[in-house]
Amino acid sequence: MKITGIKNFIVPEFVPREIWGEFEMNSIRFLSPGLMHVAQKLRDYFDRPIEINNWYFRSSYSKNVNQWRGFRTPNCNVGSKLSRHKLGLCLDLNIKGILPKELQEDIRINFKPYKAMGITAIEADTPTWTHISMENTLQDDLWVIPNPNKKKDG
């Protein structure tokens, strides 16, 4: 389950149960190769555990089990129809001891080291997780993607 060059994560942390059950180690083909390296670079940068999907480590489903924070299958009803998760370009994550709001603010203010890791975008207004993405963008600055689930004022 280990990924070459990735010391702190295993494949099931990036894919849902259904994909792991069918493809096992070949599940990584559903992800941009750089995405796993971005997760490892964040882990090394903060020297703290990072949670993406945790379903593999749980014995049964509960409201606290996550399986849709990495790759999402086309029929997944979590997120938007054209979610970047369905393209294997992004992750939702939590870093132990760092609030999502704090991490998102740090990425906005100190973008240079995050850009060097490969992060090009984050999602706005995600209070309980941080969405990071490896978008192909034509800009040098961080792209802050509006949260599609956040209702607009007015």
Foldseek 3Di string as FASTA:
>chain_A
DDDVPADQDDDQQAAAPVLCVVQPVCSCVQADVLASQLQRVVCVVVVFDKHFADQVVDPDDDPPGDGQFHADDCPDPPADNPDCSVSNWKGKMDTPPAFQVRVVVCCQVVVVVSVVSQWQEWEPDDRHTTMTGNDDDPDPHHHHHYRPVDDDDD
